Amino acid sequence: MFYPVLGLLTLRFGITFVMSSPALRSLRHADARTLRGIFIAGVLLGIFLSETFGVLLRHASNAAFD
């Protein structure tokens, strides 16, 4: 059985969001420092997605010689 990578990552991070959503209520009154941390976490998530798709679309033999 094959499940697409983006679907699996969406499921993984979606479940994490739902589980941690009660703790996110305090972000309504977030200061700039907290929002900066959230932005950095979003950038790291983007890097994670890029690396995952890179591994999916690239063969090890091609990556070794490029």
N, C-alpha and C. Protein backbone atom coordinates (compact mmCIF):
# COMPACT_ATOMS: atom_id res chain seq x y z
N MET A 1 0.84 -1.18 0.00
CA MET A 1 0.00 0.00 0.00
C MET A 1 0.88 1.24 0.00
N PHE A 2 0.53 2.20 -0.81
CA PHE A 2 1.30 3.43 -0.94
C PHE A 2 0.45 4.60 -0.49
N TYR A 3 1.00 5.43 0.39
CA TYR A 3 0.31 6.64 0.84
C TYR A 3 1.20 7.81 0.48
N PRO A 4 0.68 8.85 -0.15
CA PRO A 4 1.52 9.96 -0.60
C PRO A 4 2.21 10.68 0.56
N VAL A 5 3.40 11.17 0.30
CA VAL A 5 4.23 11.81 1.33
C VAL A 5 3.52 13.03 1.91
N LEU A 6 3.00 13.88 1.07
CA LEU A 6 2.35 15.10 1.57
C LEU A 6 1.12 14.75 2.41
N GLY A 7 0.39 13.73 2.03
CA GLY A 7 -0.76 13.29 2.82
C GLY A 7 -0.34 12.78 4.19
N LEU A 8 0.74 12.02 4.23
CA LEU A 8 1.24 11.50 5.49
C LEU A 8 1.73 12.63 6.40
N LEU A 9 2.45 13.60 5.84
CA LEU A 9 2.93 14.73 6.63
C LEU A 9 1.77 15.59 7.11
N THR A 10 0.75 15.77 6.27
CA THR A 10 -0.43 16.53 6.68
C THR A 10 -1.14 15.83 7.83
N LEU A 11 -1.27 14.54 7.72
CA LEU A 11 -1.90 13.77 8.79
C LEU A 11 -1.08 13.87 10.08
N ARG A 12 0.22 13.73 9.95
CA ARG A 12 1.10 13.78 11.13
C ARG A 12 1.02 15.13 11.84
N PHE A 13 1.19 16.22 11.09
CA PHE A 13 1.18 17.53 11.71
C PHE A 13 -0.24 17.97 12.08
N GLY A 14 -1.24 17.48 11.38
CA GLY A 14 -2.62 17.79 11.73
C GLY A 14 -3.00 17.19 13.07
N ILE A 15 -2.62 15.94 13.29
CA ILE A 15 -2.89 15.30 14.58
C ILE A 15 -2.14 16.04 15.69
N THR A 16 -0.91 16.43 15.42
CA THR A 16 -0.13 17.18 16.41
C THR A 16 -0.80 18.50 16.74
N PHE A 17 -1.32 19.19 15.72
CA PHE A 17 -2.00 20.46 15.96
C PHE A 17 -3.24 20.28 16.80
N VAL A 18 -4.04 19.27 16.47
CA VAL A 18 -5.27 19.04 17.23
C VAL A 18 -4.95 18.68 18.68
N MET A 19 -3.92 17.87 18.89
CA MET A 19 -3.55 17.48 20.25
C MET A 19 -3.00 18.65 21.07
N SER A 20 -2.32 19.58 20.41
CA SER A 20 -1.71 20.70 21.14
C SER A 20 -2.58 21.96 21.11
N SER A 21 -3.72 21.94 20.45
CA SER A 21 -4.55 23.14 20.33
C SER A 21 -5.02 23.72 21.67
N PRO A 22 -5.31 22.92 22.70
CA PRO A 22 -5.67 23.56 23.98
C PRO A 22 -4.55 24.46 24.53
N ALA A 23 -3.32 24.11 24.27
CA ALA A 23 -2.20 24.91 24.76
C ALA A 23 -2.01 26.18 23.94
N LEU A 24 -2.64 26.25 22.77
CA LEU A 24 -2.45 27.41 21.89
C LEU A 24 -3.37 28.58 22.23
N ARG A 25 -4.28 28.40 23.16
CA ARG A 25 -5.19 29.48 23.53
C ARG A 25 -4.45 30.69 24.08
N SER A 26 -3.33 30.44 24.71
CA SER A 26 -2.57 31.55 25.30
C SER A 26 -1.91 32.43 24.24
N LEU A 27 -1.91 31.99 22.99
CA LEU A 27 -1.27 32.78 21.93
C LEU A 27 -2.11 33.97 21.48
N ARG A 28 -3.33 34.08 21.97
CA ARG A 28 -4.16 35.23 21.61
C ARG A 28 -3.53 36.53 22.05
N HIS A 29 -2.81 36.48 23.14
CA HIS A 29 -2.17 37.68 23.69
C HIS A 29 -0.65 37.55 23.58
N ALA A 30 -0.18 37.03 22.48
CA ALA A 30 1.26 36.78 22.30
C ALA A 30 2.00 38.08 22.02
N ASP A 31 3.22 38.15 22.52
CA ASP A 31 4.07 39.30 22.24
C ASP A 31 4.94 39.03 21.02
N ALA A 32 5.74 39.99 20.63
CA ALA A 32 6.56 39.88 19.42
C ALA A 32 7.57 38.75 19.53
N ARG A 33 8.12 38.52 20.71
CA ARG A 33 9.11 37.46 20.88
C ARG A 33 8.49 36.09 20.62
N THR A 34 7.29 35.87 21.11
CA THR A 34 6.60 34.61 20.89
C THR A 34 6.26 34.42 19.41
N LEU A 35 5.78 35.47 18.78
CA LEU A 35 5.44 35.37 17.36
C LEU A 35 6.68 35.11 16.51
N ARG A 36 7.81 35.66 16.90
CA ARG A 36 9.06 35.40 16.19
C ARG A 36 9.42 33.92 16.30
N GLY A 37 9.23 33.33 17.48
CA GLY A 37 9.48 31.91 17.66
C GLY A 37 8.57 31.05 16.82
N ILE A 38 7.32 31.45 16.70
CA ILE A 38 6.37 30.73 15.86
C ILE A 38 6.79 30.82 14.40
N PHE A 39 7.25 31.98 13.98
CA PHE A 39 7.71 32.15 12.61
C PHE A 39 8.91 31.24 12.33
N ILE A 40 9.84 31.17 13.26
CA ILE A 40 11.01 30.30 13.08
C ILE A 40 10.59 28.84 13.00
N ALA A 41 9.62 28.44 13.82
CA ALA A 41 9.11 27.06 13.74
C ALA A 41 8.47 26.79 12.38
N GLY A 42 7.77 27.77 11.82
CA GLY A 42 7.19 27.61 10.50
C GLY A 42 8.24 27.47 9.42
N VAL A 43 9.32 28.22 9.54
CA VAL A 43 10.42 28.11 8.58
C VAL A 43 11.05 26.72 8.68
N LEU A 44 11.24 26.23 9.90
CA LEU A 44 11.79 24.89 10.07
C LEU A 44 10.87 23.82 9.48
N LEU A 45 9.57 24.02 9.60
CA LEU A 45 8.62 23.09 8.99
C LEU A 45 8.76 23.11 7.46
N GLY A 46 8.95 24.30 6.89
CA GLY A 46 9.16 24.40 5.45
C GLY A 46 10.43 23.69 5.01
N ILE A 47 11.49 23.82 5.80
CA ILE A 47 12.74 23.12 5.49
C ILE A 47 12.53 21.62 5.58
N PHE A 48 11.80 21.18 6.59
CA PHE A 48 11.51 19.75 6.74
C PHE A 48 10.75 19.21 5.53
N LEU A 49 9.74 19.94 5.08
CA LEU A 49 8.98 19.51 3.90
C LEU A 49 9.86 19.48 2.66
N SER A 50 10.72 20.47 2.50
CA SER A 50 11.62 20.50 1.34
C SER A 50 12.58 19.32 1.36
N GLU A 51 13.14 19.02 2.51
CA GLU A 51 14.05 17.87 2.61
C GLU A 51 13.33 16.56 2.33
N THR A 52 12.11 16.44 2.81
CA THR A 52 11.35 15.22 2.60
C THR A 52 11.06 15.01 1.12
N PHE A 53 10.64 16.07 0.43
CA PHE A 53 10.40 15.94 -1.01
C PHE A 53 11.69 15.73 -1.78
N GLY A 54 12.79 16.30 -1.30
CA GLY A 54 14.08 16.06 -1.94
C GLY A 54 14.48 14.60 -1.87
N VAL A 55 14.28 13.99 -0.72
CA VAL A 55 14.59 12.58 -0.56
C VAL A 55 13.66 11.73 -1.42
N LEU A 56 12.41 12.13 -1.50
CA LEU A 56 11.44 11.38 -2.29
C LEU A 56 11.78 11.42 -3.78
N LEU A 57 12.18 12.57 -4.28
CA LEU A 57 12.36 12.75 -5.71
C LEU A 57 13.77 12.48 -6.22
N ARG A 58 14.70 12.26 -5.33
CA ARG A 58 16.10 12.09 -5.73
C ARG A 58 16.58 10.68 -5.40
N HIS A 59 17.25 10.05 -6.32
CA HIS A 59 17.84 8.74 -6.07
C HIS A 59 19.20 8.90 -5.42
N ALA A 60 19.59 7.97 -4.60
CA ALA A 60 20.86 8.07 -3.87
C ALA A 60 22.04 8.09 -4.84
N SER A 61 21.97 7.34 -5.91
CA SER A 61 23.09 7.30 -6.86
C SER A 61 23.23 8.64 -7.57
N ASN A 62 22.13 9.32 -7.87
CA ASN A 62 22.20 10.64 -8.50
C ASN A 62 22.73 11.68 -7.53
N ALA A 63 22.32 11.60 -6.30
CA ALA A 63 22.75 12.60 -5.31
C ALA A 63 24.24 12.47 -5.01
N ALA A 64 24.77 11.26 -5.09
CA ALA A 64 26.19 11.05 -4.79
C ALA A 64 27.09 11.67 -5.86
N PHE A 65 26.63 11.75 -7.08
CA PHE A 65 27.49 12.22 -8.17
C PHE A 65 27.20 13.64 -8.62
N ASP A 66 26.24 14.31 -8.01
CA ASP A 66 25.93 15.69 -8.38
C ASP A 66 26.66 16.67 -7.52
